[in-house]
Every structure is written in C-alpha cells, then in structure tokens.
Amino acid sequence: MRLSLEGGVVVALSAVAIVTSTLVTGLMVFLVVARYLLGLSVVGLHELILLFAIQLYMAGALLASQRGGHLTVDWLSQRLKPGRPAEWHRLVVAALTLVVTCLFIVWAYWMLSWGLKRPQTTPALGIPLIISQAAIMVGALGSAAFALRDVLRSAKALRGLA
C-alpha cells in the first residue's frame, strides 16, 4: 500500500494527536491525584501539560483543516445550487482562508524570530519556549498548505465546469 504525501501527513498528525492527548490527560489525572489525594505538589507539571497541549492544538487544527472540518458558516453554501455558484463560493472561502493563514504565518514568524533572538525557558523545568513557538509555526504553515490545496481544488473544479 502506497501512502500519498497528504496521507502520510495525516497519519503523522493523528499519531501526534493521540500521543499528546494521552499525555495531557494522563498528566492532568496524575496532577489531580498527586495534589488532592496524596498532598504532593509536582513542580513543573503544568509546564509539561501546556507544552503537550500546544502540540495537540496545532495537530488538531491541522487535522480539521485537512478534513475541511474547521468552523464554517454554511448558510449560503447550503442555499447555492450545485455548479458554478457553489464552486465560486468554495473558491472565495478557500482564498480568504489562504489570506488569513498567510497572516498567521507572518505572526508566527515574528514570534519565532523573537524567540530565537531572545531565547527563554519555562521557570521550573527550563523547557525552551522555542518548542511551543515552532509548533505554532508548523501549524501556520500546514494550515496555509491545506488552504492552498483547497484553492487549487476549487479552481480546478471551476475549470471543469467551464
């Protein structure tokens, strides 16, 4: 069985989502049990949970973007008849999404470059913040790639209807 590039990305993102959601859940349960049942305060555990949560959020956002499952307002799209109007609507939505994700890339780049110039770490465990900043950049790049894919698919569908 041969896996496409997109299929490989989905498999990798799904694995990241499964692992990080398991870690976030497990660490939160451990934190609650340790604090309230055992009376222990585990230093730095919140930092780890936050690190894994950011990875999970970015993987989840990319999976939703890949599947077209991100938040949409579909009132207009449901009322458009199949054909050119519906495809034009998909193209406009995809193009707007691409513009917004490009702005997201710019913002993530500024944040990442700032983090490279002024490296910082978390207070308790000393985890470099660049790890979380890089995850946000990967999320931005991936979102833009899926938005570009949607623009190209919509343009191709419009050409097919001509």
C-alpha atoms as a PDB file:
ATOM      1  CA  MET A   1       0.000   0.000   0.000  1.00  0.00           C
ATOM      2  CA  ARG A   2       1.442   3.330  -1.089  1.00  0.00           C
ATOM      3  CA  LEU A   3       0.705   6.384   1.029  1.00  0.00           C
ATOM      4  CA  SER A   4       0.400   9.842  -0.527  1.00  0.00           C
ATOM      5  CA  LEU A   5       2.186  12.827   0.982  1.00  0.00           C
ATOM      6  CA  GLU A   6      -1.089  14.105   2.388  1.00  0.00           C
ATOM      7  CA  GLY A   7      -1.921  10.640   3.702  1.00  0.00           C
ATOM      8  CA  GLY A   8       1.468  10.433   5.404  1.00  0.00           C
ATOM      9  CA  VAL A   9       0.958  13.844   6.981  1.00  0.00           C
ATOM     10  CA  VAL A  10      -2.464  12.765   8.252  1.00  0.00           C
ATOM     11  CA  VAL A  11      -1.008   9.584   9.769  1.00  0.00           C
ATOM     12  CA  ALA A  12       1.762  11.589  11.479  1.00  0.00           C
ATOM     13  CA  LEU A  13      -0.668  14.252  12.742  1.00  0.00           C
ATOM     14  CA  SER A  14      -3.044  11.583  14.014  1.00  0.00           C
ATOM     15  CA  ALA A  15      -0.202   9.925  15.905  1.00  0.00           C
ATOM     16  CA  VAL A  16       0.837  13.253  17.418  1.00  0.00           C
ATOM     17  CA  ALA A  17      -2.789  13.946  18.410  1.00  0.00           C
ATOM     18  CA  ILE A  18      -3.189  10.525  20.036  1.00  0.00           C
ATOM     19  CA  VAL A  19       0.102  10.686  21.921  1.00  0.00           C
ATOM     20  CA  THR A  20      -0.305  14.275  23.102  1.00  0.00           C
ATOM     21  CA  SER A  21      -3.941  13.859  24.126  1.00  0.00           C
ATOM     22  CA  THR A  22      -2.966  10.764  26.107  1.00  0.00           C
ATOM     23  CA  LEU A  23      -0.112  12.662  27.762  1.00  0.00           C
ATOM     24  CA  VAL A  24      -2.235  15.716  28.561  1.00  0.00           C
ATOM     25  CA  THR A  25      -4.988  13.565  30.041  1.00  0.00           C
ATOM     26  CA  GLY A  26      -2.622  11.293  31.934  1.00  0.00           C
ATOM     27  CA  LEU A  27      -0.576  14.131  33.358  1.00  0.00           C
ATOM     28  CA  MET A  28      -3.689  16.058  34.398  1.00  0.00           C
ATOM     29  CA  VAL A  29      -5.076  12.991  36.174  1.00  0.00           C
ATOM     30  CA  PHE A  30      -1.708  12.462  37.853  1.00  0.00           C
ATOM     31  CA  LEU A  31      -1.594  16.130  38.883  1.00  0.00           C
ATOM     32  CA  VAL A  32      -5.049  15.982  40.449  1.00  0.00           C
ATOM     33  CA  VAL A  33      -4.365  12.670  42.225  1.00  0.00           C
ATOM     34  CA  ALA A  34      -0.969  13.856  43.457  1.00  0.00           C
ATOM     35  CA  ARG A  35      -2.282  17.183  44.731  1.00  0.00           C
ATOM     36  CA  TYR A  36      -5.640  16.276  46.229  1.00  0.00           C
ATOM     37  CA  LEU A  37      -5.274  12.660  47.251  1.00  0.00           C
ATOM     38  CA  LEU A  38      -1.589  12.463  48.116  1.00  0.00           C
ATOM     39  CA  GLY A  39      -0.962  16.080  49.104  1.00  0.00           C
ATOM     40  CA  LEU A  40       2.020  16.388  46.716  1.00  0.00           C
ATOM     41  CA  SER A  41       2.898  19.395  44.620  1.00  0.00           C
ATOM     42  CA  VAL A  42       4.719  18.352  41.464  1.00  0.00           C
ATOM     43  CA  VAL A  43       6.841  21.259  40.270  1.00  0.00           C
ATOM     44  CA  GLY A  44       6.816  21.858  36.537  1.00  0.00           C
ATOM     45  CA  LEU A  45       3.977  19.521  35.657  1.00  0.00           C
ATOM     46  CA  HIS A  46       1.838  22.400  34.398  1.00  0.00           C
ATOM     47  CA  GLU A  47       4.664  23.343  32.038  1.00  0.00           C
ATOM     48  CA  LEU A  48       4.741  19.846  30.553  1.00  0.00           C
ATOM     49  CA  ILE A  49       0.974  19.736  30.213  1.00  0.00           C
ATOM     50  CA  LEU A  50       0.962  23.103  28.449  1.00  0.00           C
ATOM     51  CA  LEU A  51       3.746  22.003  26.098  1.00  0.00           C
ATOM     52  CA  PHE A  52       1.830  18.876  25.076  1.00  0.00           C
ATOM     53  CA  ALA A  53      -1.445  20.804  24.862  1.00  0.00           C
ATOM     54  CA  ILE A  54       0.030  23.261  22.347  1.00  0.00           C
ATOM     55  CA  GLN A  55       1.271  20.350  20.233  1.00  0.00           C
ATOM     56  CA  LEU A  56      -2.205  18.789  20.473  1.00  0.00           C
ATOM     57  CA  TYR A  57      -3.979  22.022  19.490  1.00  0.00           C
ATOM     58  CA  MET A  58      -1.794  22.511  16.435  1.00  0.00           C
ATOM     59  CA  ALA A  59      -2.148  18.867  15.327  1.00  0.00           C
ATOM     60  CA  GLY A  60      -5.912  19.058  15.844  1.00  0.00           C
ATOM     61  CA  ALA A  61      -6.173  22.302  13.889  1.00  0.00           C
ATOM     62  CA  LEU A  62      -4.240  20.785  11.003  1.00  0.00           C
ATOM     63  CA  LEU A  63      -6.352  17.633  11.003  1.00  0.00           C
ATOM     64  CA  ALA A  64      -9.527  19.747  10.965  1.00  0.00           C
ATOM     65  CA  SER A  65      -8.116  21.874   8.158  1.00  0.00           C
ATOM     66  CA  GLN A  66      -7.134  18.804   6.147  1.00  0.00           C
ATOM     67  CA  ARG A  67     -10.631  17.326   6.504  1.00  0.00           C
ATOM     68  CA  GLY A  68     -12.417  20.612   5.907  1.00  0.00           C
ATOM     69  CA  GLY A  69     -13.871  20.288   9.397  1.00  0.00           C
ATOM     70  CA  HIS A  70     -12.872  23.682  10.723  1.00  0.00           C
ATOM     71  CA  LEU A  71     -15.575  26.104  11.762  1.00  0.00           C
ATOM     72  CA  THR A  72     -17.690  27.250   8.868  1.00  0.00           C
ATOM     73  CA  VAL A  73     -20.820  29.254   8.341  1.00  0.00           C
ATOM     74  CA  ASP A  74     -22.693  27.244   5.771  1.00  0.00           C
ATOM     75  CA  TRP A  75     -25.951  29.147   5.422  1.00  0.00           C
ATOM     76  CA  LEU A  76     -25.018  30.475   1.988  1.00  0.00           C
ATOM     77  CA  SER A  77     -23.298  27.321   0.778  1.00  0.00           C
ATOM     78  CA  GLN A  78     -26.426  25.264   1.547  1.00  0.00           C
ATOM     79  CA  ARG A  79     -28.610  27.595  -0.475  1.00  0.00           C
ATOM     80  CA  LEU A  80     -26.406  27.670  -3.562  1.00  0.00           C
ATOM     81  CA  LYS A  81     -27.290  25.227  -6.292  1.00  0.00           C
ATOM     82  CA  PRO A  82     -24.553  22.764  -7.279  1.00  0.00           C
ATOM     83  CA  GLY A  83     -22.451  24.044 -10.145  1.00  0.00           C
ATOM     84  CA  ARG A  84     -20.665  27.310 -10.821  1.00  0.00           C
ATOM     85  CA  PRO A  85     -22.155  29.397  -7.960  1.00  0.00           C
ATOM     86  CA  ALA A  86     -21.268  26.739  -5.376  1.00  0.00           C
ATOM     87  CA  GLU A  87     -17.749  26.309  -6.791  1.00  0.00           C
ATOM     88  CA  TRP A  88     -17.205  30.080  -6.841  1.00  0.00           C
ATOM     89  CA  HIS A  89     -18.290  30.195  -3.222  1.00  0.00           C
ATOM     90  CA  ARG A  90     -15.821  27.415  -2.327  1.00  0.00           C
ATOM     91  CA  LEU A  91     -13.064  29.264  -4.179  1.00  0.00           C
ATOM     92  CA  VAL A  92     -13.750  32.559  -2.374  1.00  0.00           C
ATOM     93  CA  VAL A  93     -13.842  30.817   1.020  1.00  0.00           C
ATOM     94  CA  ALA A  94     -10.604  28.957   0.237  1.00  0.00           C
ATOM     95  CA  ALA A  95      -8.909  32.161  -0.962  1.00  0.00           C
ATOM     96  CA  LEU A  96      -9.944  34.064   2.170  1.00  0.00           C
ATOM     97  CA  THR A  97      -8.714  31.182   4.308  1.00  0.00           C
ATOM     98  CA  LEU A  98      -5.393  31.282   2.456  1.00  0.00           C
ATOM     99  CA  VAL A  99      -5.036  35.019   3.099  1.00  0.00           C
ATOM    100  CA  VAL A 100      -5.765  34.593   6.800  1.00  0.00           C
ATOM    101  CA  THR A 101      -3.354  31.667   7.126  1.00  0.00           C
ATOM    102  CA  CYS A 102      -0.649  33.708   5.405  1.00  0.00           C
ATOM    103  CA  LEU A 103      -1.178  36.389   8.062  1.00  0.00           C
ATOM    104  CA  PHE A 104      -0.925  33.612  10.656  1.00  0.00           C
ATOM    105  CA  ILE A 105       2.448  32.620   9.127  1.00  0.00           C
ATOM    106  CA  VAL A 106       3.699  36.205   9.387  1.00  0.00           C
ATOM    107  CA  TRP A 107       2.636  36.423  13.033  1.00  0.00           C
ATOM    108  CA  ALA A 108       4.177  33.007  13.822  1.00  0.00           C
ATOM    109  CA  TYR A 109       7.403  34.044  12.055  1.00  0.00           C
ATOM    110  CA  TRP A 110       7.638  37.229  14.139  1.00  0.00           C
ATOM    111  CA  MET A 111       7.076  35.216  17.301  1.00  0.00           C
ATOM    112  CA  LEU A 112       9.571  32.519  16.296  1.00  0.00           C
ATOM    113  CA  SER A 113      12.268  35.007  15.261  1.00  0.00           C
ATOM    114  CA  TRP A 114      11.779  36.908  18.526  1.00  0.00           C
ATOM    115  CA  GLY A 115      12.181  33.614  20.391  1.00  0.00           C
ATOM    116  CA  LEU A 116      15.403  32.873  18.522  1.00  0.00           C
ATOM    117  CA  LYS A 117      16.835  36.327  19.321  1.00  0.00           C
ATOM    118  CA  ARG A 118      15.774  36.234  22.965  1.00  0.00           C
ATOM    119  CA  PRO A 119      15.605  32.584  23.966  1.00  0.00           C
ATOM    120  CA  GLN A 120      13.610  31.904  27.083  1.00  0.00           C
ATOM    121  CA  THR A 121      12.735  28.833  29.089  1.00  0.00           C
ATOM    122  CA  THR A 122       9.939  27.839  31.420  1.00  0.00           C
ATOM    123  CA  PRO A 123      10.624  28.688  35.063  1.00  0.00           C
ATOM    124  CA  ALA A 124      10.502  25.272  36.717  1.00  0.00           C
ATOM    125  CA  LEU A 125      11.815  22.763  34.179  1.00  0.00           C
ATOM    126  CA  GLY A 126      13.729  25.071  31.869  1.00  0.00           C
ATOM    127  CA  ILE A 127      11.904  23.880  28.742  1.00  0.00           C
ATOM    128  CA  PRO A 128      12.834  26.132  25.809  1.00  0.00           C
ATOM    129  CA  LEU A 129       9.825  28.171  24.688  1.00  0.00           C
ATOM    130  CA  ILE A 130      11.032  27.820  21.111  1.00  0.00           C
ATOM    131  CA  ILE A 131       9.485  24.314  21.120  1.00  0.00           C
ATOM    132  CA  SER A 132       5.986  25.745  21.503  1.00  0.00           C
ATOM    133  CA  GLN A 133       6.736  28.598  19.131  1.00  0.00           C
ATOM    134  CA  ALA A 134       7.939  26.134  16.497  1.00  0.00           C
ATOM    135  CA  ALA A 135       4.747  24.111  16.900  1.00  0.00           C
ATOM    136  CA  ILE A 136       2.714  27.234  16.184  1.00  0.00           C
ATOM    137  CA  MET A 137       4.817  27.906  13.071  1.00  0.00           C
ATOM    138  CA  VAL A 138       4.280  24.332  11.865  1.00  0.00           C
ATOM    139  CA  GLY A 139       0.557  24.798  12.456  1.00  0.00           C
ATOM    140  CA  ALA A 140       0.552  28.031  10.463  1.00  0.00           C
ATOM    141  CA  LEU A 141       2.497  26.531   7.555  1.00  0.00           C
ATOM    142  CA  GLY A 142       0.327  23.430   7.494  1.00  0.00           C
ATOM    143  CA  SER A 143      -2.877  25.468   7.580  1.00  0.00           C
ATOM    144  CA  ALA A 144      -1.664  27.562   4.674  1.00  0.00           C
ATOM    145  CA  ALA A 145      -0.699  24.447   2.722  1.00  0.00           C
ATOM    146  CA  PHE A 146      -4.172  22.958   3.169  1.00  0.00           C
ATOM    147  CA  ALA A 147      -5.771  26.305   2.265  1.00  0.00           C
ATOM    148  CA  LEU A 148      -3.670  26.442  -0.908  1.00  0.00           C
ATOM    149  CA  ARG A 149      -4.744  22.878  -1.688  1.00  0.00           C
ATOM    150  CA  ASP A 150      -8.382  23.957  -1.331  1.00  0.00           C
ATOM    151  CA  VAL A 151      -7.856  26.973  -3.618  1.00  0.00           C
ATOM    152  CA  LEU A 152      -6.287  24.754  -6.281  1.00  0.00           C
ATOM    153  CA  ARG A 153      -9.064  22.147  -5.987  1.00  0.00           C
ATOM    154  CA  SER A 154     -11.739  24.811  -6.287  1.00  0.00           C
ATOM    155  CA  ALA A 155     -10.052  26.433  -9.278  1.00  0.00           C
ATOM    156  CA  LYS A 156      -9.728  23.029 -10.953  1.00  0.00           C
ATOM    157  CA  ALA A 157     -13.409  22.266 -10.303  1.00  0.00           C
ATOM    158  CA  LEU A 158     -14.382  25.636 -11.810  1.00  0.00           C
ATOM    159  CA  ARG A 159     -12.288  24.939 -14.912  1.00  0.00           C
ATOM    160  CA  GLY A 160     -14.019  21.565 -15.227  1.00  0.00           C
ATOM    161  CA  LEU A 161     -17.424  23.264 -15.244  1.00  0.00           C
ATOM    162  CA  ALA A 162     -16.474  25.735 -17.985  1.00  0.00           C
END
